[in-house]
C-alpha atoms as a PDB file:
ATOM      1  CA  MET A   1     289.391-160.230 115.277  1.00  0.00           C
ATOM      2  CA  ARG A   2     285.796-160.858 114.324  1.00  0.00           C
ATOM      3  CA  PHE A   3     284.680-157.748 116.190  1.00  0.00           C
ATOM      4  CA  SER A   4     286.998-155.465 114.231  1.00  0.00           C
ATOM      5  CA  VAL A   5     285.573-156.728 110.931  1.00  0.00           C
ATOM      6  CA  ARG A   6     282.058-155.947 112.109  1.00  0.00           C
ATOM      7  CA  ARG A   7     283.063-152.516 113.322  1.00  0.00           C
ATOM      8  CA  ASP A   8     284.604-151.746 109.922  1.00  0.00           C
ATOM      9  CA  ARG A   9     281.425-152.846 108.189  1.00  0.00           C
ATOM     10  CA  LEU A  10     279.342-150.625 110.444  1.00  0.00           C
ATOM     11  CA  GLN A  11     281.578-147.627 109.810  1.00  0.00           C
ATOM     12  CA  ASN A  12     281.346-148.110 106.038  1.00  0.00           C
ATOM     13  CA  ALA A  13     277.573-148.664 106.051  1.00  0.00           C
ATOM     14  CA  MET A  14     275.490-146.025 104.307  1.00  0.00           C
ATOM     15  CA  PRO A  15     273.264-143.924 106.565  1.00  0.00           C
ATOM     16  CA  LEU A  16     269.518-144.341 106.131  1.00  0.00           C
ATOM     17  CA  MET A  17     268.930-140.670 105.447  1.00  0.00           C
ATOM     18  CA  PRO A  18     271.222-137.993 104.081  1.00  0.00           C
ATOM     19  CA  LEU A  19     272.650-135.741 106.762  1.00  0.00           C
ATOM     20  CA  ALA A  20     271.471-132.501 105.180  1.00  0.00           C
ATOM     21  CA  ILE A  21     268.908-131.625 102.570  1.00  0.00           C
ATOM     22  CA  ALA A  22     269.567-128.284 100.926  1.00  0.00           C
ATOM     23  CA  LEU A  23     266.066-127.040 100.196  1.00  0.00           C
ATOM     24  CA  ARG A  24     265.105-123.446 100.623  1.00  0.00           C
ATOM     25  CA  PHE A  25     261.655-121.935 100.775  1.00  0.00           C
ATOM     26  CA  SER A  26     260.305-118.704 102.163  1.00  0.00           C
ATOM     27  CA  VAL A  27     257.233-117.745 104.173  1.00  0.00           C
ATOM     28  CA  ARG A  28     255.515-114.717 102.725  1.00  0.00           C
ATOM     29  CA  ASP A  29     253.042-112.565 104.655  1.00  0.00           C
ATOM     30  CA  ASN A  30     252.999-115.087 107.556  1.00  0.00           C
ATOM     31  CA  ASN A  31     251.243-117.576 105.264  1.00  0.00           C
ATOM     32  CA  VAL A  32     252.589-120.786 106.812  1.00  0.00           C
ATOM     33  CA  ASP A  33     250.045-123.030 105.079  1.00  0.00           C
ATOM     34  CA  GLN A  34     251.230-121.901 101.651  1.00  0.00           C
ATOM     35  CA  ALA A  35     254.862-122.353 102.698  1.00  0.00           C
ATOM     36  CA  LEU A  36     254.121-125.910 103.897  1.00  0.00           C
ATOM     37  CA  ARG A  37     252.486-126.709 100.552  1.00  0.00           C
ATOM     38  CA  VAL A  38     255.565-125.419  98.739  1.00  0.00           C
ATOM     39  CA  LEU A  39     257.848-127.453 101.010  1.00  0.00           C
ATOM     40  CA  LYS A  40     255.821-130.640 100.524  1.00  0.00           C
ATOM     41  CA  LYS A  41     255.840-130.137  96.749  1.00  0.00           C
ATOM     42  CA  LYS A  42     259.625-129.683  96.737  1.00  0.00           C
ATOM     43  CA  LEU A  43     260.135-132.762  98.932  1.00  0.00           C
ATOM     44  CA  GLN A  44     257.832-134.770  96.662  1.00  0.00           C
ATOM     45  CA  ARG A  45     259.748-133.640  93.585  1.00  0.00           C
ATOM     46  CA  GLU A  46     263.079-134.561  95.191  1.00  0.00           C
ATOM     47  CA  GLY A  47     261.781-138.040  96.051  1.00  0.00           C
ATOM     48  CA  VAL A  48     262.321-137.715  99.802  1.00  0.00           C
ATOM     49  CA  PHE A  49     258.946-139.224 100.745  1.00  0.00           C
ATOM     50  CA  ARG A  50     259.474-142.184  98.431  1.00  0.00           C
ATOM     51  CA  GLU A  51     262.960-142.805  99.813  1.00  0.00           C
ATOM     52  CA  MET A  52     261.700-142.638 103.399  1.00  0.00           C
ATOM     53  CA  LYS A  53     258.988-145.151 102.606  1.00  0.00           C
ATOM     54  CA  LEU A  54     261.482-147.531 100.983  1.00  0.00           C
ATOM     55  CA  LYS A  55     263.943-147.218 103.885  1.00  0.00           C
ATOM     56  CA  GLN A  56     261.370-148.029 106.597  1.00  0.00           C
ATOM     57  CA  HIS A  57     261.970-151.756 106.219  1.00  0.00           C
ATOM     58  CA  PHE A  58     264.758-153.839 104.783  1.00  0.00           C
ATOM     59  CA  GLU A  59     264.208-154.758 101.169  1.00  0.00           C
ATOM     60  CA  LYS A  60     265.699-158.038 100.038  1.00  0.00           C
ATOM     61  CA  PRO A  61     267.915-157.794  96.958  1.00  0.00           C
ATOM     62  CA  SER A  62     265.517-159.985  94.976  1.00  0.00           C
ATOM     63  CA  GLU A  63     262.574-157.731  95.943  1.00  0.00           C
ATOM     64  CA  LYS A  64     264.581-154.647  95.025  1.00  0.00           C
ATOM     65  CA  LYS A  65     265.460-156.137  91.636  1.00  0.00           C
ATOM     66  CA  ALA A  66     261.813-157.037  90.965  1.00  0.00           C
ATOM     67  CA  ARG A  67     260.647-153.550  91.992  1.00  0.00           C
ATOM     68  CA  GLN A  68     263.222-151.851  89.769  1.00  0.00           C
ATOM     69  CA  LYS A  69     262.291-154.101  86.844  1.00  0.00           C
ATOM     70  CA  GLY A  70     258.608-153.232  87.295  1.00  0.00           C
ATOM     71  CA  GLU A  71     259.417-149.535  87.464  1.00  0.00           C
ATOM     72  CA  ALA A  72     261.441-149.804  84.247  1.00  0.00           C
ATOM     73  CA  ILE A  73     258.546-151.558  82.506  1.00  0.00           C
ATOM     74  CA  ARG A  74     256.114-148.851  83.650  1.00  0.00           C
ATOM     75  CA  ARG A  75     258.477-146.115  82.444  1.00  0.00           C
ATOM     76  CA  ALA A  76     258.850-147.806  79.056  1.00  0.00           C
ATOM     77  CA  ARG A  77     255.054-148.162  78.679  1.00  0.00           C
ATOM     78  CA  LYS A  78     254.557-144.522  79.631  1.00  0.00           C
ATOM     79  CA  LEU A  79     257.136-143.397  77.051  1.00  0.00           C
ATOM     80  CA  ALA A  80     255.523-145.601  74.409  1.00  0.00           C
ATOM     81  CA  ARG A  81     252.113-144.020  75.102  1.00  0.00           C
ATOM     82  CA  GLU A  82     253.431-140.459  74.987  1.00  0.00           C
ATOM     83  CA  GLY A  83     255.929-140.789  72.165  1.00  0.00           C
END
């Protein structure tokens, strides 16, 4: 009985990375370096690098809460400076 509960939990667990990322970019005039720059910029904008970094290790709920609170404070300070 205990095994079936674990198996259900594993089946309902969220995957670490999304299965597919729908980004499209083109290579013009065989300029692969430029295409890589465009791809990296799009990935950066989508937050893929940040998500990968956060998913490398388990983050305790208390650490996650503290990180999110700090991010909210930084966002509020930035808005106060600009607006």
